[in-house]
């Protein structure tokens, strides 16, 4: 299948929310009250920030040749852990259409990993933090591990080498 990754626009938000509701809402609905309007609002802010404050947010979508949304990811730059002032890119979402073949889903997640590293490098941010709360997370975290992330529970961290990024001020 052919697809293209592009920066998300406001017009993509409804499709992103629909994909999240269809394939991932069941991962949260026993803990959180799903609120599509809140998710739409937060995504819209991120898309606007991405446009007006480059380097603050990364929201990209993958669409197939028929323009159907098949995946998206959302990451935020400038976050910090509670125990250090080192800046990091924090991955908020990494969703793929679960009806796609496993091989294509893996390819899309690997594309996301590439995009997070490119985003962090372009921002001069030395650390990436990707988390998951999915019930079935082993495959997702294994992809991180293969790419040099340190997996700790449901968190995966990667420190980029100094030649890839320098700490942001």
N, C-alpha and C. Protein backbone atom coordinates (compact mmCIF):
# COMPACT_ATOMS: atom_id res chain seq x y z
N UNK A 1 0.84 -1.18 0.00
CA UNK A 1 0.00 0.00 0.00
C UNK A 1 0.89 1.24 0.00
N UNK A 2 0.55 2.19 -0.83
CA UNK A 2 1.24 3.47 -0.87
C UNK A 2 0.56 4.44 0.09
N UNK A 3 1.37 5.25 0.73
CA UNK A 3 0.83 6.27 1.63
C UNK A 3 1.81 7.41 1.72
N UNK A 4 1.34 8.53 2.24
CA UNK A 4 2.16 9.73 2.38
C UNK A 4 1.96 10.32 3.77
N UNK A 5 3.06 10.69 4.41
CA UNK A 5 3.02 11.40 5.68
C UNK A 5 3.06 12.90 5.40
N UNK A 6 2.17 13.65 6.04
CA UNK A 6 2.17 15.11 5.93
C UNK A 6 1.84 15.72 7.29
N UNK A 7 2.21 16.99 7.46
CA UNK A 7 1.81 17.69 8.68
C UNK A 7 0.30 17.78 8.72
N UNK A 8 -0.25 17.55 9.91
CA UNK A 8 -1.70 17.63 10.08
C UNK A 8 -2.16 19.08 9.94
N UNK A 9 -3.38 19.21 9.45
CA UNK A 9 -4.06 20.51 9.36
C UNK A 9 -5.35 20.39 10.15
N UNK A 10 -5.99 21.50 10.36
CA UNK A 10 -7.27 21.49 11.08
C UNK A 10 -8.27 20.55 10.45
N UNK A 11 -8.26 20.44 9.14
CA UNK A 11 -9.20 19.57 8.44
C UNK A 11 -8.97 18.09 8.75
N UNK A 12 -7.81 17.74 9.30
CA UNK A 12 -7.50 16.34 9.63
C UNK A 12 -8.04 15.92 10.99
N UNK A 13 -8.38 16.88 11.83
CA UNK A 13 -8.72 16.57 13.22
C UNK A 13 -9.91 15.61 13.33
N UNK A 14 -10.95 15.81 12.56
CA UNK A 14 -12.11 14.91 12.66
C UNK A 14 -11.74 13.48 12.31
N UNK A 15 -10.92 13.29 11.28
CA UNK A 15 -10.49 11.94 10.89
C UNK A 15 -9.61 11.32 11.97
N UNK A 16 -8.74 12.13 12.58
CA UNK A 16 -7.88 11.63 13.65
C UNK A 16 -8.72 11.15 14.83
N UNK A 17 -9.69 11.96 15.23
CA UNK A 17 -10.55 11.60 16.36
C UNK A 17 -11.35 10.35 16.03
N UNK A 18 -11.86 10.25 14.82
CA UNK A 18 -12.63 9.06 14.42
C UNK A 18 -11.77 7.80 14.47
N UNK A 19 -10.52 7.88 14.00
CA UNK A 19 -9.63 6.72 14.06
C UNK A 19 -9.37 6.34 15.51
N UNK A 20 -9.12 7.34 16.36
CA UNK A 20 -8.87 7.06 17.78
C UNK A 20 -10.09 6.42 18.44
N UNK A 21 -11.27 6.93 18.14
CA UNK A 21 -12.49 6.36 18.73
C UNK A 21 -12.70 4.92 18.27
N UNK A 22 -12.51 4.67 16.99
CA UNK A 22 -12.77 3.35 16.42
C UNK A 22 -11.80 2.29 16.95
N UNK A 23 -10.53 2.64 17.00
CA UNK A 23 -9.52 1.62 17.28
C UNK A 23 -8.92 1.65 18.69
N UNK A 24 -9.09 2.75 19.41
CA UNK A 24 -8.36 2.86 20.68
C UNK A 24 -9.20 3.31 21.87
N UNK A 25 -10.43 3.73 21.66
CA UNK A 25 -11.24 4.20 22.77
C UNK A 25 -11.42 3.13 23.84
N UNK A 26 -11.51 1.87 23.42
CA UNK A 26 -11.68 0.78 24.39
C UNK A 26 -10.48 0.61 25.30
N UNK A 27 -9.36 1.24 24.97
CA UNK A 27 -8.17 1.18 25.83
C UNK A 27 -8.28 2.13 27.02
N UNK A 28 -9.15 3.14 26.91
CA UNK A 28 -9.25 4.16 27.97
C UNK A 28 -10.59 4.19 28.68
N UNK A 29 -11.64 3.66 28.06
CA UNK A 29 -12.99 3.95 28.55
C UNK A 29 -13.34 3.35 29.91
N UNK A 30 -12.53 2.46 30.44
CA UNK A 30 -12.77 1.97 31.79
C UNK A 30 -12.07 2.85 32.83
N UNK A 31 -11.20 3.73 32.37
CA UNK A 31 -10.46 4.62 33.26
C UNK A 31 -10.92 6.07 33.09
N UNK A 32 -10.93 6.53 31.85
CA UNK A 32 -11.29 7.90 31.54
C UNK A 32 -12.64 7.94 30.83
N UNK A 33 -13.32 9.05 30.92
CA UNK A 33 -14.53 9.26 30.15
C UNK A 33 -14.12 9.80 28.78
N UNK A 34 -14.29 9.03 27.71
CA UNK A 34 -13.91 9.53 26.39
C UNK A 34 -14.71 10.80 26.05
N UNK A 35 -13.99 11.82 25.65
CA UNK A 35 -14.61 13.08 25.28
C UNK A 35 -14.03 13.54 23.95
N UNK A 36 -14.67 13.13 22.85
CA UNK A 36 -14.16 13.50 21.53
C UNK A 36 -13.98 15.00 21.34
N UNK A 37 -14.85 15.79 21.94
CA UNK A 37 -14.72 17.24 21.81
C UNK A 37 -13.43 17.73 22.47
N UNK A 38 -13.11 17.20 23.64
CA UNK A 38 -11.86 17.58 24.32
C UNK A 38 -10.65 17.14 23.50
N UNK A 39 -10.70 15.93 22.94
CA UNK A 39 -9.59 15.46 22.13
C UNK A 39 -9.44 16.33 20.88
N UNK A 40 -10.56 16.67 20.25
CA UNK A 40 -10.52 17.56 19.08
C UNK A 40 -9.91 18.90 19.43
N UNK A 41 -10.31 19.45 20.55
CA UNK A 41 -9.78 20.75 20.98
C UNK A 41 -8.27 20.67 21.20
N UNK A 42 -7.82 19.65 21.94
CA UNK A 42 -6.40 19.52 22.23
C UNK A 42 -5.56 19.28 20.97
N UNK A 43 -6.08 18.47 20.06
CA UNK A 43 -5.40 18.25 18.79
C UNK A 43 -5.33 19.53 17.97
N UNK A 44 -6.42 20.27 17.95
CA UNK A 44 -6.46 21.52 17.19
C UNK A 44 -5.42 22.50 17.72
N UNK A 45 -5.31 22.61 19.05
CA UNK A 45 -4.27 23.46 19.64
C UNK A 45 -2.89 23.01 19.18
N UNK A 46 -2.64 21.71 19.17
CA UNK A 46 -1.33 21.19 18.77
C UNK A 46 -1.05 21.50 17.30
N UNK A 47 -2.06 21.34 16.45
CA UNK A 47 -1.90 21.63 15.02
C UNK A 47 -1.60 23.12 14.82
N UNK A 48 -2.31 23.98 15.53
CA UNK A 48 -2.07 25.42 15.43
C UNK A 48 -0.68 25.76 15.95
N UNK A 49 -0.29 25.18 17.10
CA UNK A 49 1.05 25.41 17.64
C UNK A 49 2.12 24.97 16.66
N UNK A 50 1.90 23.82 16.03
CA UNK A 50 2.87 23.31 15.05
C UNK A 50 3.10 24.32 13.94
N UNK A 51 2.03 25.00 13.53
CA UNK A 51 2.12 25.97 12.44
C UNK A 51 2.75 27.28 12.90
N UNK A 52 2.25 27.82 14.02
CA UNK A 52 2.69 29.13 14.47
C UNK A 52 3.93 29.12 15.36
N UNK A 53 4.24 28.00 15.98
CA UNK A 53 5.42 27.86 16.84
C UNK A 53 6.18 26.60 16.44
N UNK A 54 6.83 26.63 15.27
CA UNK A 54 7.54 25.44 14.82
C UNK A 54 8.49 24.92 15.91
N UNK A 55 8.51 23.62 16.07
CA UNK A 55 9.34 23.00 17.09
C UNK A 55 8.62 22.75 18.39
N UNK A 56 7.37 23.23 18.51
CA UNK A 56 6.62 23.01 19.75
C UNK A 56 5.89 21.68 19.73
N UNK A 57 5.28 21.37 18.62
CA UNK A 57 4.48 20.15 18.48
C UNK A 57 4.76 19.52 17.13
N UNK A 58 4.56 18.22 17.07
CA UNK A 58 4.62 17.47 15.82
C UNK A 58 3.32 16.68 15.74
N UNK A 59 2.51 16.99 14.75
CA UNK A 59 1.30 16.22 14.48
C UNK A 59 1.33 15.92 13.00
N UNK A 60 1.52 14.64 12.67
CA UNK A 60 1.57 14.23 11.27
C UNK A 60 0.58 13.09 11.04
N UNK A 61 0.11 13.02 9.81
CA UNK A 61 -0.86 12.01 9.43
C UNK A 61 -0.36 11.25 8.21
N UNK A 62 -0.74 9.98 8.14
CA UNK A 62 -0.44 9.16 6.96
C UNK A 62 -1.77 8.89 6.28
N UNK A 63 -1.82 9.20 4.99
CA UNK A 63 -3.02 8.95 4.19
C UNK A 63 -2.63 8.08 3.00
N UNK A 64 -3.55 7.16 2.66
CA UNK A 64 -3.29 6.28 1.52
C UNK A 64 -3.65 7.00 0.22
N UNK A 65 -3.54 6.30 -0.89
CA UNK A 65 -3.78 6.91 -2.20
C UNK A 65 -5.21 7.39 -2.38
N UNK A 66 -6.15 6.84 -1.61
CA UNK A 66 -7.54 7.29 -1.69
C UNK A 66 -7.83 8.39 -0.67
N UNK A 67 -6.79 8.90 -0.01
CA UNK A 67 -6.86 9.98 0.98
C UNK A 67 -7.46 9.53 2.31
N UNK A 68 -7.51 8.23 2.53
CA UNK A 68 -8.01 7.72 3.82
C UNK A 68 -6.90 7.80 4.86
N UNK A 69 -7.24 8.31 6.04
CA UNK A 69 -6.29 8.37 7.14
C UNK A 69 -6.00 6.95 7.63
N UNK A 70 -4.72 6.58 7.66
CA UNK A 70 -4.37 5.23 8.12
C UNK A 70 -3.53 5.26 9.39
N UNK A 71 -2.97 6.44 9.73
CA UNK A 71 -2.16 6.53 10.95
C UNK A 71 -1.91 8.01 11.25
N UNK A 72 -1.54 8.26 12.50
CA UNK A 72 -1.10 9.60 12.88
C UNK A 72 -0.26 9.49 14.14
N UNK A 73 0.52 10.52 14.37
CA UNK A 73 1.27 10.61 15.61
C UNK A 73 1.32 12.06 16.06
N UNK A 74 1.45 12.22 17.36
CA UNK A 74 1.47 13.54 17.98
C UNK A 74 2.54 13.52 19.05
N UNK A 75 3.48 14.45 18.97
CA UNK A 75 4.54 14.57 19.96
C UNK A 75 4.69 16.03 20.36
N UNK A 76 5.13 16.24 21.58
CA UNK A 76 5.29 17.59 22.15
C UNK A 76 6.74 17.78 22.56
N UNK A 77 7.32 18.90 22.15
CA UNK A 77 8.69 19.22 22.51
C UNK A 77 8.72 20.08 23.77
N UNK A 78 9.86 20.02 24.48
CA UNK A 78 10.07 20.90 25.62
C UNK A 78 9.51 20.39 26.93
N UNK A 79 9.07 19.15 26.96
CA UNK A 79 8.58 18.56 28.21
C UNK A 79 9.80 18.19 29.05
N UNK A 80 9.55 17.97 30.33
CA UNK A 80 10.63 17.60 31.24
C UNK A 80 10.12 16.53 32.21
N UNK A 81 11.05 15.70 32.65
CA UNK A 81 10.69 14.72 33.67
C UNK A 81 10.65 15.43 35.02
N UNK A 82 10.18 14.75 36.02
CA UNK A 82 10.10 15.34 37.35
C UNK A 82 11.46 15.38 38.04
N UNK A 83 12.41 14.60 37.55
CA UNK A 83 13.70 14.47 38.24
C UNK A 83 14.86 15.15 37.51
N UNK A 84 14.59 15.86 36.41
CA UNK A 84 15.66 16.50 35.65
C UNK A 84 15.10 17.64 34.81
N UNK A 85 15.93 18.62 34.56
CA UNK A 85 15.55 19.71 33.67
C UNK A 85 15.93 19.44 32.22
N UNK A 86 16.44 18.24 31.93
CA UNK A 86 16.75 17.89 30.54
C UNK A 86 15.47 17.95 29.72
N UNK A 87 15.48 18.69 28.60
CA UNK A 87 14.28 18.74 27.76
C UNK A 87 14.09 17.43 27.01
N UNK A 88 12.85 17.11 26.72
CA UNK A 88 12.57 15.90 25.95
C UNK A 88 11.36 16.10 25.05
N UNK A 89 11.31 15.31 24.02
CA UNK A 89 10.12 15.20 23.18
C UNK A 89 9.29 14.08 23.80
N UNK A 90 8.07 14.40 24.11
CA UNK A 90 7.16 13.44 24.72
C UNK A 90 6.12 13.04 23.68
N UNK A 91 6.05 11.76 23.40
CA UNK A 91 5.10 11.26 22.41
C UNK A 91 3.73 11.11 23.07
N UNK A 92 2.77 11.85 22.56
CA UNK A 92 1.41 11.78 23.11
C UNK A 92 0.59 10.66 22.47
N UNK A 93 0.69 10.50 21.17
CA UNK A 93 -0.12 9.50 20.47
C UNK A 93 0.66 8.87 19.33
N UNK A 94 0.38 7.60 19.12
CA UNK A 94 0.91 6.85 17.98
C UNK A 94 -0.16 5.84 17.62
N UNK A 95 -1.04 6.22 16.72
CA UNK A 95 -2.18 5.36 16.37
C UNK A 95 -2.12 4.95 14.90
N UNK A 96 -2.44 3.70 14.67
CA UNK A 96 -2.59 3.18 13.31
C UNK A 96 -3.94 2.50 13.19
N UNK A 97 -4.44 2.43 12.00
CA UNK A 97 -5.67 1.71 11.74
C UNK A 97 -5.38 0.22 11.97
N UNK A 98 -6.04 -0.36 12.95
CA UNK A 98 -5.75 -1.74 13.34
C UNK A 98 -6.29 -2.76 12.34
N UNK A 99 -7.05 -2.31 11.33
CA UNK A 99 -7.52 -3.21 10.29
C UNK A 99 -6.46 -3.47 9.23
N UNK A 100 -5.37 -2.71 9.27
CA UNK A 100 -4.29 -2.90 8.31
C UNK A 100 -3.49 -4.16 8.66
N UNK A 101 -2.72 -4.65 7.71
CA UNK A 101 -1.91 -5.84 7.95
C UNK A 101 -0.86 -5.54 9.02
N UNK A 102 -0.46 -6.56 9.79
CA UNK A 102 0.59 -6.33 10.78
C UNK A 102 1.87 -5.76 10.18
N UNK A 103 2.24 -6.22 8.99
CA UNK A 103 3.45 -5.72 8.34
C UNK A 103 3.36 -4.22 8.07
N UNK A 104 2.20 -3.76 7.60
CA UNK A 104 2.02 -2.34 7.32
C UNK A 104 1.96 -1.53 8.62
N UNK A 105 1.33 -2.07 9.64
CA UNK A 105 1.29 -1.37 10.93
C UNK A 105 2.70 -1.18 11.50
N UNK A 106 3.53 -2.20 11.38
CA UNK A 106 4.91 -2.11 11.85
C UNK A 106 5.67 -1.05 11.05
N UNK A 107 5.47 -1.04 9.75
CA UNK A 107 6.13 -0.04 8.90
C UNK A 107 5.72 1.38 9.31
N UNK A 108 4.43 1.57 9.59
CA UNK A 108 3.93 2.89 9.99
C UNK A 108 4.51 3.32 11.34
N UNK A 109 4.60 2.39 12.28
CA UNK A 109 5.18 2.73 13.59
C UNK A 109 6.66 3.05 13.43
N UNK A 110 7.37 2.31 12.60
CA UNK A 110 8.78 2.63 12.34
C UNK A 110 8.92 4.02 11.71
N UNK A 111 8.00 4.37 10.84
CA UNK A 111 7.99 5.73 10.28
C UNK A 111 7.82 6.76 11.40
N UNK A 112 6.94 6.46 12.35
CA UNK A 112 6.72 7.38 13.47
C UNK A 112 8.00 7.54 14.29
N UNK A 113 8.65 6.42 14.59
CA UNK A 113 9.92 6.48 15.33
C UNK A 113 10.92 7.37 14.60
N UNK A 114 11.01 7.22 13.29
CA UNK A 114 11.89 8.09 12.49
C UNK A 114 11.49 9.55 12.64
N UNK A 115 10.20 9.82 12.56
CA UNK A 115 9.73 11.22 12.62
C UNK A 115 10.01 11.84 13.98
N UNK A 116 9.85 11.07 15.06
CA UNK A 116 10.14 11.62 16.39
C UNK A 116 11.61 11.98 16.51
N UNK A 117 12.48 11.10 16.00
CA UNK A 117 13.91 11.35 16.08
C UNK A 117 14.31 12.55 15.22
N UNK A 118 13.73 12.67 14.03
CA UNK A 118 14.01 13.82 13.18
C UNK A 118 13.52 15.11 13.84
N UNK A 119 12.33 15.05 14.44
CA UNK A 119 11.76 16.22 15.12
C UNK A 119 12.66 16.62 16.29
N UNK A 120 13.03 15.66 17.13
CA UNK A 120 13.88 15.96 18.28
C UNK A 120 15.22 16.54 17.82
N UNK A 121 15.81 15.95 16.80
CA UNK A 121 17.08 16.43 16.29
C UNK A 121 16.95 17.86 15.76
N UNK A 122 15.90 18.12 15.00
CA UNK A 122 15.73 19.47 14.44
C UNK A 122 15.49 20.51 15.53
N UNK A 123 14.95 20.08 16.66
CA UNK A 123 14.69 20.98 17.79
C UNK A 123 15.88 21.07 18.74
N UNK A 124 16.88 20.22 18.56
CA UNK A 124 18.01 20.18 19.47
C UNK A 124 17.65 19.59 20.82
N UNK A 125 16.67 18.71 20.82
CA UNK A 125 16.20 18.09 22.06
C UNK A 125 16.79 16.68 22.16
N UNK A 126 17.54 16.40 23.23
CA UNK A 126 18.33 15.17 23.27
C UNK A 126 17.59 13.90 23.72
N UNK A 127 16.37 14.01 24.22
CA UNK A 127 15.69 12.83 24.77
C UNK A 127 14.29 12.71 24.17
N UNK A 128 13.91 11.47 23.90
CA UNK A 128 12.55 11.16 23.47
C UNK A 128 11.95 10.21 24.49
N UNK A 129 10.71 10.47 24.87
CA UNK A 129 9.98 9.59 25.77
C UNK A 129 8.68 9.16 25.09
N UNK A 130 8.51 7.88 24.92
CA UNK A 130 7.31 7.32 24.31
C UNK A 130 6.68 6.38 25.33
N UNK A 131 5.39 6.53 25.56
CA UNK A 131 4.71 5.68 26.53
C UNK A 131 3.50 5.02 25.87
N UNK A 132 3.01 3.99 26.53
CA UNK A 132 1.79 3.34 26.06
C UNK A 132 0.99 2.87 27.26
N UNK A 133 -0.33 2.89 27.10
CA UNK A 133 -1.19 2.34 28.14
C UNK A 133 -2.06 1.21 27.57
N UNK A 134 -1.70 0.76 26.36
CA UNK A 134 -2.47 -0.30 25.72
C UNK A 134 -2.31 -1.61 26.47
N UNK A 135 -3.34 -2.44 26.40
CA UNK A 135 -3.27 -3.77 27.01
C UNK A 135 -2.21 -4.62 26.32
N UNK A 136 -2.20 -4.58 24.99
CA UNK A 136 -1.25 -5.36 24.20
C UNK A 136 -0.15 -4.41 23.73
N UNK A 137 0.93 -4.32 24.50
CA UNK A 137 1.97 -3.33 24.22
C UNK A 137 3.31 -3.94 23.86
N UNK A 138 3.43 -5.24 23.93
CA UNK A 138 4.73 -5.89 23.73
C UNK A 138 5.35 -5.59 22.37
N UNK A 139 4.57 -5.71 21.31
CA UNK A 139 5.09 -5.48 19.96
C UNK A 139 5.53 -4.03 19.78
N UNK A 140 4.73 -3.10 20.26
CA UNK A 140 5.04 -1.68 20.16
C UNK A 140 6.35 -1.36 20.87
N UNK A 141 6.50 -1.88 22.09
CA UNK A 141 7.71 -1.60 22.86
C UNK A 141 8.93 -2.33 22.29
N UNK A 142 8.70 -3.49 21.68
CA UNK A 142 9.81 -4.22 21.05
C UNK A 142 10.38 -3.42 19.88
N UNK A 143 9.51 -2.73 19.13
CA UNK A 143 9.99 -1.88 18.04
C UNK A 143 10.89 -0.77 18.59
N UNK A 144 10.51 -0.22 19.73
CA UNK A 144 11.35 0.81 20.37
C UNK A 144 12.70 0.22 20.76
N UNK A 145 12.67 -0.92 21.43
CA UNK A 145 13.90 -1.56 21.89
C UNK A 145 14.86 -1.82 20.74
N UNK A 146 14.34 -2.29 19.63
CA UNK A 146 15.17 -2.56 18.45
C UNK A 146 15.81 -1.29 17.90
N UNK A 147 15.20 -0.15 18.19
CA UNK A 147 15.71 1.13 17.69
C UNK A 147 16.57 1.86 18.73
N UNK A 148 16.94 1.15 19.80
CA UNK A 148 17.86 1.73 20.77
C UNK A 148 17.20 2.44 21.94
N UNK A 149 15.91 2.31 22.09
CA UNK A 149 15.23 2.89 23.24
C UNK A 149 15.44 2.00 24.46
N UNK A 150 15.52 2.61 25.62
CA UNK A 150 15.57 1.88 26.88
C UNK A 150 14.13 1.74 27.36
N UNK A 151 13.63 0.51 27.37
CA UNK A 151 12.24 0.25 27.74
C UNK A 151 12.17 -0.05 29.23
N UNK A 152 11.34 0.70 29.93
CA UNK A 152 11.15 0.54 31.37
C UNK A 152 9.66 0.54 31.65
N UNK A 153 9.15 -0.67 31.85
CA UNK A 153 7.70 -0.81 32.01
C UNK A 153 7.02 -0.44 30.70
N UNK A 154 6.10 0.51 30.75
CA UNK A 154 5.41 0.95 29.55
C UNK A 154 6.00 2.25 29.00
N UNK A 155 7.19 2.63 29.49
CA UNK A 155 7.89 3.82 29.02
C UNK A 155 9.11 3.40 28.21
N UNK A 156 9.36 4.13 27.13
CA UNK A 156 10.56 3.90 26.33
C UNK A 156 11.27 5.25 26.17
N UNK A 157 12.54 5.26 26.55
CA UNK A 157 13.34 6.49 26.49
C UNK A 157 14.50 6.29 25.52
N UNK A 158 14.84 7.37 24.84
CA UNK A 158 16.03 7.32 24.00
C UNK A 158 16.76 8.66 24.12
N UNK A 159 18.04 8.56 24.42
CA UNK A 159 18.90 9.75 24.41
C UNK A 159 19.61 9.73 23.07
N UNK A 160 19.43 10.79 22.31
CA UNK A 160 20.10 10.91 21.03
C UNK A 160 21.56 11.27 21.27
N UNK A 161 22.42 10.81 20.40
CA UNK A 161 23.84 11.12 20.58
C UNK A 161 24.07 12.60 20.32
N UNK A 162 25.16 13.11 20.86
CA UNK A 162 25.46 14.54 20.73
C UNK A 162 25.60 14.97 19.28
N UNK A 163 25.95 14.04 18.38
CA UNK A 163 26.06 14.41 16.98
C UNK A 163 24.67 14.54 16.35
N UNK A 164 23.65 13.92 16.99
CA UNK A 164 22.30 14.04 16.47
C UNK A 164 21.58 15.24 17.04
N UNK A 165 21.84 15.57 18.31
CA UNK A 165 21.13 16.68 18.94
C UNK A 165 21.99 17.25 20.04
N UNK A 166 21.80 18.52 20.28
CA UNK A 166 22.42 19.16 21.43
C UNK A 166 21.32 19.67 22.33
N UNK A 167 21.50 19.67 23.63
CA UNK A 167 20.44 20.08 24.53
C UNK A 167 19.95 21.49 24.22
N UNK A 168 18.64 21.64 24.26
CA UNK A 168 18.02 22.94 24.06
C UNK A 168 18.17 23.77 25.33
N UNK A 169 18.22 25.05 25.19
CA UNK A 169 18.35 25.93 26.36
C UNK A 169 17.01 26.20 26.99
